[in-house]
Amino acid sequence: WIYNSPWRQFELRYLEWNQLTLAYTHSFSRTVSLTGTASYNALNRHRLVAPMVQEDYSAQYPARFTLKLLKTFGSSK
């Protein structure tokens, strides 16, 4: 789990955001394994307040799930 608290940079004000990643690996044998990973990113927002410009930005990234099948070739010594 990653958490970034609110912070400022010049006229930009970044709001807090979270990211959660879970992974699980299952070994079928010494040379074959399967890994599943799920990632979720919370709403990412920032606000720009300058003398001539005002902007509110937000982006929501979809949850992502990946599977990886790993096969090792050769000697495992």
PDB file of N, CA and C in Angstrom:
ATOM      1  N   TRP A   1       0.856  -1.156   0.000  1.00  0.00           N
ATOM      2  CA  TRP A   1       0.000   0.000   0.000  1.00  0.00           C
ATOM      3  C   TRP A   1       0.905   1.223   0.000  1.00  0.00           C
ATOM      4  N   ILE A   2       0.628   2.172  -0.874  1.00  0.00           N
ATOM      5  CA  ILE A   2       1.381   3.421  -0.954  1.00  0.00           C
ATOM      6  C   ILE A   2       0.426   4.561  -0.683  1.00  0.00           C
ATOM      7  N   TYR A   3       0.826   5.448   0.204  1.00  0.00           N
ATOM      8  CA  TYR A   3       0.017   6.628   0.510  1.00  0.00           C
ATOM      9  C   TYR A   3       0.905   7.857   0.385  1.00  0.00           C
ATOM     10  N   ASN A   4       0.458   8.830  -0.376  1.00  0.00           N
ATOM     11  CA  ASN A   4       1.127  10.127  -0.468  1.00  0.00           C
ATOM     12  C   ASN A   4       0.211  11.170   0.129  1.00  0.00           C
ATOM     13  N   SER A   5       0.721  11.903   1.085  1.00  0.00           N
ATOM     14  CA  SER A   5      -0.079  12.952   1.724  1.00  0.00           C
ATOM     15  C   SER A   5      -0.118  14.193   0.826  1.00  0.00           C
ATOM     16  N   PRO A   6      -1.011  15.129   1.116  1.00  0.00           N
ATOM     17  CA  PRO A   6      -1.065  16.353   0.322  1.00  0.00           C
ATOM     18  C   PRO A   6       0.259  17.121   0.425  1.00  0.00           C
ATOM     19  N   TRP A   7       0.644  17.772  -0.668  1.00  0.00           N
ATOM     20  CA  TRP A   7       1.850  18.576  -0.674  1.00  0.00           C
ATOM     21  C   TRP A   7       1.738  19.702  -1.691  1.00  0.00           C
ATOM     22  N   ARG A   8       2.613  20.679  -1.582  1.00  0.00           N
ATOM     23  CA  ARG A   8       2.578  21.853  -2.448  1.00  0.00           C
ATOM     24  C   ARG A   8       3.904  22.018  -3.169  1.00  0.00           C
ATOM     25  N   GLN A   9       3.812  22.571  -4.373  1.00  0.00           N
ATOM     26  CA  GLN A   9       4.986  22.930  -5.148  1.00  0.00           C
ATOM     27  C   GLN A   9       4.652  24.213  -5.896  1.00  0.00           C
ATOM     28  N   PHE A  10       5.214  25.320  -5.454  1.00  0.00           N
ATOM     29  CA  PHE A  10       4.905  26.632  -5.992  1.00  0.00           C
ATOM     30  C   PHE A  10       3.396  26.869  -5.947  1.00  0.00           C
ATOM     31  N   GLU A  11       2.749  27.099  -7.092  1.00  0.00           N
ATOM     32  CA  GLU A  11       1.310  27.335  -7.098  1.00  0.00           C
ATOM     33  C   GLU A  11       0.484  26.054  -7.192  1.00  0.00           C
ATOM     34  N   LEU A  12       1.151  24.901  -7.359  1.00  0.00           N
ATOM     35  CA  LEU A  12       0.440  23.626  -7.469  1.00  0.00           C
ATOM     36  C   LEU A  12       0.183  23.040  -6.093  1.00  0.00           C
ATOM     37  N   ARG A  13      -1.018  22.550  -5.909  1.00  0.00           N
ATOM     38  CA  ARG A  13      -1.385  21.871  -4.669  1.00  0.00           C
ATOM     39  C   ARG A  13      -1.838  20.467  -5.028  1.00  0.00           C
ATOM     40  N   TYR A  14      -1.066  19.467  -4.618  1.00  0.00           N
ATOM     41  CA  TYR A  14      -1.392  18.077  -4.887  1.00  0.00           C
ATOM     42  C   TYR A  14      -2.180  17.520  -3.705  1.00  0.00           C
ATOM     43  N   LEU A  15      -3.259  16.841  -4.004  1.00  0.00           N
ATOM     44  CA  LEU A  15      -4.065  16.230  -2.950  1.00  0.00           C
ATOM     45  C   LEU A  15      -3.589  14.795  -2.719  1.00  0.00           C
ATOM     46  N   GLU A  16      -3.978  14.223  -1.593  1.00  0.00           N
ATOM     47  CA  GLU A  16      -3.498  12.887  -1.246  1.00  0.00           C
ATOM     48  C   GLU A  16      -3.986  11.846  -2.250  1.00  0.00           C
ATOM     49  N   TRP A  17      -3.235  10.756  -2.353  1.00  0.00           N
ATOM     50  CA  TRP A  17      -3.652   9.638  -3.196  1.00  0.00           C
ATOM     51  C   TRP A  17      -3.115   8.335  -2.612  1.00  0.00           C
ATOM     52  N   ASN A  18      -3.774   7.241  -2.991  1.00  0.00           N
ATOM     53  CA  ASN A  18      -3.442   5.902  -2.514  1.00  0.00           C
ATOM     54  C   ASN A  18      -3.243   4.964  -3.694  1.00  0.00           C
ATOM     55  N   GLN A  19      -2.408   3.979  -3.480  1.00  0.00           N
ATOM     56  CA  GLN A  19      -2.248   2.904  -4.449  1.00  0.00           C
ATOM     57  C   GLN A  19      -2.152   1.597  -3.672  1.00  0.00           C
ATOM     58  N   LEU A  20      -2.923   0.604  -4.086  1.00  0.00           N
ATOM     59  CA  LEU A  20      -2.925  -0.696  -3.433  1.00  0.00           C
ATOM     60  C   LEU A  20      -2.566  -1.761  -4.464  1.00  0.00           C
ATOM     61  N   THR A  21      -1.586  -2.600  -4.132  1.00  0.00           N
ATOM     62  CA  THR A  21      -1.176  -3.684  -5.017  1.00  0.00           C
ATOM     63  C   THR A  21      -1.113  -4.974  -4.208  1.00  0.00           C
ATOM     64  N   LEU A  22      -1.764  -5.999  -4.720  1.00  0.00           N
ATOM     65  CA  LEU A  22      -1.748  -7.329  -4.105  1.00  0.00           C
ATOM     66  C   LEU A  22      -1.226  -8.329  -5.130  1.00  0.00           C
ATOM     67  N   ALA A  23      -0.371  -9.244  -4.682  1.00  0.00           N
ATOM     68  CA  ALA A  23       0.171 -10.256  -5.587  1.00  0.00           C
ATOM     69  C   ALA A  23       0.167 -11.610  -4.892  1.00  0.00           C
ATOM     70  N   TYR A  24      -0.030 -12.648  -5.681  1.00  0.00           N
ATOM     71  CA  TYR A  24       0.008 -14.023  -5.169  1.00  0.00           C
ATOM     72  C   TYR A  24       0.719 -14.892  -6.194  1.00  0.00           C
ATOM     73  N   THR A  25       1.629 -15.730  -5.739  1.00  0.00           N
ATOM     74  CA  THR A  25       2.364 -16.644  -6.614  1.00  0.00           C
ATOM     75  C   THR A  25       2.113 -18.078  -6.172  1.00  0.00           C
ATOM     76  N   HIS A  26       1.817 -18.921  -7.148  1.00  0.00           N
ATOM     77  CA  HIS A  26       1.623 -20.357  -6.881  1.00  0.00           C
ATOM     78  C   HIS A  26       2.621 -21.129  -7.738  1.00  0.00           C
ATOM     79  N   SER A  27       3.408 -21.989  -7.092  1.00  0.00           N
ATOM     80  CA  SER A  27       4.379 -22.828  -7.808  1.00  0.00           C
ATOM     81  C   SER A  27       3.746 -24.189  -8.084  1.00  0.00           C
ATOM     82  N   PHE A  28       3.732 -24.559  -9.352  1.00  0.00           N
ATOM     83  CA  PHE A  28       3.212 -25.873  -9.740  1.00  0.00           C
ATOM     84  C   PHE A  28       4.300 -26.933  -9.638  1.00  0.00           C
ATOM     85  N   SER A  29       5.536 -26.538  -9.894  1.00  0.00           N
ATOM     86  CA  SER A  29       6.691 -27.413  -9.774  1.00  0.00           C
ATOM     87  C   SER A  29       7.908 -26.515  -9.555  1.00  0.00           C
ATOM     88  N   ARG A  30       9.124 -27.116  -9.582  1.00  0.00           N
ATOM     89  CA  ARG A  30      10.326 -26.300  -9.388  1.00  0.00           C
ATOM     90  C   ARG A  30      10.578 -25.369 -10.568  1.00  0.00           C
ATOM     91  N   THR A  31       9.940 -25.632 -11.718  1.00  0.00           N
ATOM     92  CA  THR A  31      10.238 -24.836 -12.914  1.00  0.00           C
ATOM     93  C   THR A  31       9.030 -24.080 -13.460  1.00  0.00           C
ATOM     94  N   VAL A  32       7.840 -24.262 -12.899  1.00  0.00           N
ATOM     95  CA  VAL A  32       6.634 -23.598 -13.415  1.00  0.00           C
ATOM     96  C   VAL A  32       5.898 -22.908 -12.264  1.00  0.00           C
ATOM     97  N   SER A  33       5.599 -21.625 -12.459  1.00  0.00           N
ATOM     98  CA  SER A  33       4.830 -20.887 -11.451  1.00  0.00           C
ATOM     99  C   SER A  33       3.895 -19.899 -12.150  1.00  0.00           C
ATOM    100  N   LEU A  34       2.855 -19.499 -11.428  1.00  0.00           N
ATOM    101  CA  LEU A  34       1.864 -18.552 -11.930  1.00  0.00           C
ATOM    102  C   LEU A  34       1.715 -17.440 -10.889  1.00  0.00           C
ATOM    103  N   THR A  35       1.781 -16.184 -11.345  1.00  0.00           N
ATOM    104  CA  THR A  35       1.647 -15.036 -10.448  1.00  0.00           C
ATOM    105  C   THR A  35       0.477 -14.175 -10.907  1.00  0.00           C
ATOM    106  N   GLY A  36      -0.402 -13.830  -9.979  1.00  0.00           N
ATOM    107  CA  GLY A  36      -1.502 -12.913 -10.239  1.00  0.00           C
ATOM    108  C   GLY A  36      -1.276 -11.625  -9.450  1.00  0.00           C
ATOM    109  N   THR A  37      -1.454 -10.486 -10.094  1.00  0.00           N
ATOM    110  CA  THR A  37      -1.247  -9.194  -9.449  1.00  0.00           C
ATOM    111  C   THR A  37      -2.456  -8.299  -9.720  1.00  0.00           C
ATOM    112  N   ALA A  38      -2.989  -7.690  -8.669  1.00  0.00           N
ATOM    113  CA  ALA A  38      -4.102  -6.745  -8.788  1.00  0.00           C
ATOM    114  C   ALA A  38      -3.627  -5.389  -8.262  1.00  0.00           C
ATOM    115  N   SER A  39      -3.898  -4.327  -9.026  1.00  0.00           N
ATOM    116  CA  SER A  39      -3.490  -2.974  -8.640  1.00  0.00           C
ATOM    117  C   SER A  39      -4.688  -2.038  -8.714  1.00  0.00           C
ATOM    118  N   TYR A  40      -4.787  -1.163  -7.729  1.00  0.00           N
ATOM    119  CA  TYR A  40      -5.850  -0.162  -7.702  1.00  0.00           C
ATOM    120  C   TYR A  40      -5.229   1.187  -7.346  1.00  0.00           C
ATOM    121  N   ASN A  41      -5.513   2.199  -8.160  1.00  0.00           N
ATOM    122  CA  ASN A  41      -5.058   3.560  -7.899  1.00  0.00           C
ATOM    123  C   ASN A  41      -6.268   4.422  -7.583  1.00  0.00           C
ATOM    124  N   ALA A  42      -6.199   5.133  -6.464  1.00  0.00           N
ATOM    125  CA  ALA A  42      -7.284   6.042  -6.095  1.00  0.00           C
ATOM    126  C   ALA A  42      -7.245   7.277  -6.998  1.00  0.00           C
ATOM    127  N   LEU A  43      -8.225   8.115  -6.853  1.00  0.00           N
ATOM    128  CA  LEU A  43      -8.326   9.336  -7.641  1.00  0.00           C
ATOM    129  C   LEU A  43      -7.082  10.196  -7.433  1.00  0.00           C
ATOM    130  N   ASN A  44      -6.470  10.620  -8.532  1.00  0.00           N
ATOM    131  CA  ASN A  44      -5.277  11.457  -8.505  1.00  0.00           C
ATOM    132  C   ASN A  44      -5.702  12.885  -8.856  1.00  0.00           C
ATOM    133  N   ARG A  45      -5.438  13.851  -7.955  1.00  0.00           N
ATOM    134  CA  ARG A  45      -5.916  15.221  -8.180  1.00  0.00           C
ATOM    135  C   ARG A  45      -4.837  16.242  -7.843  1.00  0.00           C
ATOM    136  N   HIS A  46      -4.871  17.344  -8.583  1.00  0.00           N
ATOM    137  CA  HIS A  46      -4.068  18.502  -8.198  1.00  0.00           C
ATOM    138  C   HIS A  46      -4.807  19.777  -8.576  1.00  0.00           C
ATOM    139  N   ARG A  47      -4.422  20.851  -7.945  1.00  0.00           N
ATOM    140  CA  ARG A  47      -5.061  22.142  -8.178  1.00  0.00           C
ATOM    141  C   ARG A  47      -3.963  23.181  -8.392  1.00  0.00           C
ATOM    142  N   LEU A  48      -4.118  23.978  -9.450  1.00  0.00           N
ATOM    143  CA  LEU A  48      -3.195  25.061  -9.758  1.00  0.00           C
ATOM    144  C   LEU A  48      -3.908  26.375  -9.502  1.00  0.00           C
ATOM    145  N   VAL A  49      -3.345  27.180  -8.626  1.00  0.00           N
ATOM    146  CA  VAL A  49      -3.907  28.500  -8.346  1.00  0.00           C
ATOM    147  C   VAL A  49      -2.776  29.501  -8.510  1.00  0.00           C
ATOM    148  N   ALA A  50      -2.786  30.208  -9.629  1.00  0.00           N
ATOM    149  CA  ALA A  50      -1.785  31.231  -9.944  1.00  0.00           C
ATOM    150  C   ALA A  50      -2.530  32.536 -10.214  1.00  0.00           C
ATOM    151  N   PRO A  51      -1.828  33.652 -10.273  1.00  0.00           N
ATOM    152  CA  PRO A  51      -2.513  34.932 -10.480  1.00  0.00           C
ATOM    153  C   PRO A  51      -3.387  34.975 -11.733  1.00  0.00           C
ATOM    154  N   MET A  52      -2.970  34.352 -12.826  1.00  0.00           N
ATOM    155  CA  MET A  52      -3.729  34.438 -14.080  1.00  0.00           C
ATOM    156  C   MET A  52      -4.379  33.118 -14.491  1.00  0.00           C
ATOM    157  N   VAL A  53      -4.099  32.047 -13.764  1.00  0.00           N
ATOM    158  CA  VAL A  53      -4.572  30.716 -14.170  1.00  0.00           C
ATOM    159  C   VAL A  53      -5.113  29.978 -12.952  1.00  0.00           C
ATOM    160  N   GLN A  54      -6.234  29.272 -13.168  1.00  0.00           N
ATOM    161  CA  GLN A  54      -6.752  28.350 -12.166  1.00  0.00           C
ATOM    162  C   GLN A  54      -7.137  27.067 -12.871  1.00  0.00           C
ATOM    163  N   GLU A  55      -6.711  25.956 -12.324  1.00  0.00           N
ATOM    164  CA  GLU A  55      -6.976  24.661 -12.961  1.00  0.00           C
ATOM    165  C   GLU A  55      -7.200  23.607 -11.887  1.00  0.00           C
ATOM    166  N   ASP A  56      -8.215  22.786 -12.090  1.00  0.00           N
ATOM    167  CA  ASP A  56      -8.454  21.603 -11.267  1.00  0.00           C
ATOM    168  C   ASP A  56      -8.302  20.390 -12.171  1.00  0.00           C
ATOM    169  N   TYR A  57      -7.474  19.459 -11.771  1.00  0.00           N
ATOM    170  CA  TYR A  57      -7.203  18.271 -12.571  1.00  0.00           C
ATOM    171  C   TYR A  57      -7.475  17.035 -11.728  1.00  0.00           C
ATOM    172  N   SER A  58      -8.108  16.049 -12.331  1.00  0.00           N
ATOM    173  CA  SER A  58      -8.286  14.758 -11.656  1.00  0.00           C
ATOM    174  C   SER A  58      -8.265  13.646 -12.693  1.00  0.00           C
ATOM    175  N   ALA A  59      -7.720  12.514 -12.297  1.00  0.00           N
ATOM    176  CA  ALA A  59      -7.658  11.351 -13.186  1.00  0.00           C
ATOM    177  C   ALA A  59      -7.919  10.106 -12.351  1.00  0.00           C
ATOM    178  N   GLN A  60      -8.753   9.233 -12.863  1.00  0.00           N
ATOM    179  CA  GLN A  60      -9.048   7.951 -12.205  1.00  0.00           C
ATOM    180  C   GLN A  60      -8.567   6.852 -13.137  1.00  0.00           C
ATOM    181  N   TYR A  61      -7.601   6.091 -12.674  1.00  0.00           N
ATOM    182  CA  TYR A  61      -7.086   4.999 -13.475  1.00  0.00           C
ATOM    183  C   TYR A  61      -7.829   3.719 -13.111  1.00  0.00           C
ATOM    184  N   PRO A  62      -8.167   2.890 -14.093  1.00  0.00           N
ATOM    185  CA  PRO A  62      -8.936   1.677 -13.785  1.00  0.00           C
ATOM    186  C   PRO A  62      -8.094   0.663 -13.020  1.00  0.00           C
ATOM    187  N   ALA A  63      -8.776  -0.191 -12.279  1.00  0.00           N
ATOM    188  CA  ALA A  63      -8.096  -1.287 -11.591  1.00  0.00           C
ATOM    189  C   ALA A  63      -7.506  -2.214 -12.649  1.00  0.00           C
ATOM    190  N   ARG A  64      -6.380  -2.834 -12.312  1.00  0.00           N
ATOM    191  CA  ARG A  64      -5.685  -3.672 -13.292  1.00  0.00           C
ATOM    192  C   ARG A  64      -5.358  -5.020 -12.668  1.00  0.00           C
ATOM    193  N   PHE A  65      -5.557  -6.079 -13.447  1.00  0.00           N
ATOM    194  CA  PHE A  65      -5.227  -7.429 -13.004  1.00  0.00           C
ATOM    195  C   PHE A  65      -4.353  -8.082 -14.063  1.00  0.00           C
ATOM    196  N   THR A  66      -3.230  -8.652 -13.654  1.00  0.00           N
ATOM    197  CA  THR A  66      -2.336  -9.312 -14.606  1.00  0.00           C
ATOM    198  C   THR A  66      -2.002 -10.715 -14.110  1.00  0.00           C
ATOM    199  N   LEU A  67      -1.786 -11.598 -15.060  1.00  0.00           N
ATOM    200  CA  LEU A  67      -1.335 -12.962 -14.790  1.00  0.00           C
ATOM    201  C   LEU A  67      -0.005 -13.174 -15.499  1.00  0.00           C
ATOM    202  N   LYS A  68       0.915 -13.827 -14.815  1.00  0.00           N
ATOM    203  CA  LYS A  68       2.212 -14.125 -15.417  1.00  0.00           C
ATOM    204  C   LYS A  68       2.519 -15.593 -15.190  1.00  0.00           C
ATOM    205  N   LEU A  69       2.791 -16.306 -16.270  1.00  0.00           N
ATOM    206  CA  LEU A  69       3.173 -17.713 -16.207  1.00  0.00           C
ATOM    207  C   LEU A  69       4.688 -17.770 -16.460  1.00  0.00           C
ATOM    208  N   LEU A  70       5.416 -18.389 -15.544  1.00  0.00           N
ATOM    209  CA  LEU A  70       6.871 -18.450 -15.646  1.00  0.00           C
ATOM    210  C   LEU A  70       7.321 -19.889 -15.764  1.00  0.00           C
ATOM    211  N   LYS A  71       8.131 -20.153 -16.775  1.00  0.00           N
ATOM    212  CA  LYS A  71       8.719 -21.479 -17.003  1.00  0.00           C
ATOM    213  C   LYS A  71      10.219 -21.302 -17.056  1.00  0.00           C
ATOM    214  N   THR A  72      10.943 -22.028 -16.207  1.00  0.00           N
ATOM    215  CA  THR A  72      12.407 -21.951 -16.170  1.00  0.00           C
ATOM    216  C   THR A  72      12.971 -23.120 -16.957  1.00  0.00           C
ATOM    217  N   PHE A  73      13.903 -22.817 -17.860  1.00  0.00           N
ATOM    218  CA  PHE A  73      14.568 -23.857 -18.661  1.00  0.00           C
ATOM    219  C   PHE A  73      15.991 -24.048 -18.157  1.00  0.00           C
ATOM    220  N   GLY A  74      16.539 -25.225 -18.377  1.00  0.00           N
ATOM    221  CA  GLY A  74      17.922 -25.485 -18.016  1.00  0.00           C
ATOM    222  C   GLY A  74      18.026 -26.074 -16.621  1.00  0.00           C
ATOM    223  N   SER A  75      19.250 -26.155 -16.168  1.00  0.00           N
ATOM    224  CA  SER A  75      19.530 -26.751 -14.875  1.00  0.00           C
ATOM    225  C   SER A  75      19.105 -25.822 -13.745  1.00  0.00           C
ATOM    226  N   SER A  76      18.475 -26.373 -12.721  1.00  0.00           N
ATOM    227  CA  SER A  76      18.033 -25.559 -11.578  1.00  0.00           C
ATOM    228  C   SER A  76      18.926 -25.805 -10.373  1.00  0.00           C
ATOM    229  N   LYS A  77      20.185 -26.178 -10.586  1.00  0.00           N
ATOM    230  CA  LYS A  77      21.127 -26.465  -9.494  1.00  0.00           C
ATOM    231  C   LYS A  77      21.716 -25.203  -8.934  1.00  0.00           C
TER     232      LYS A  77
END
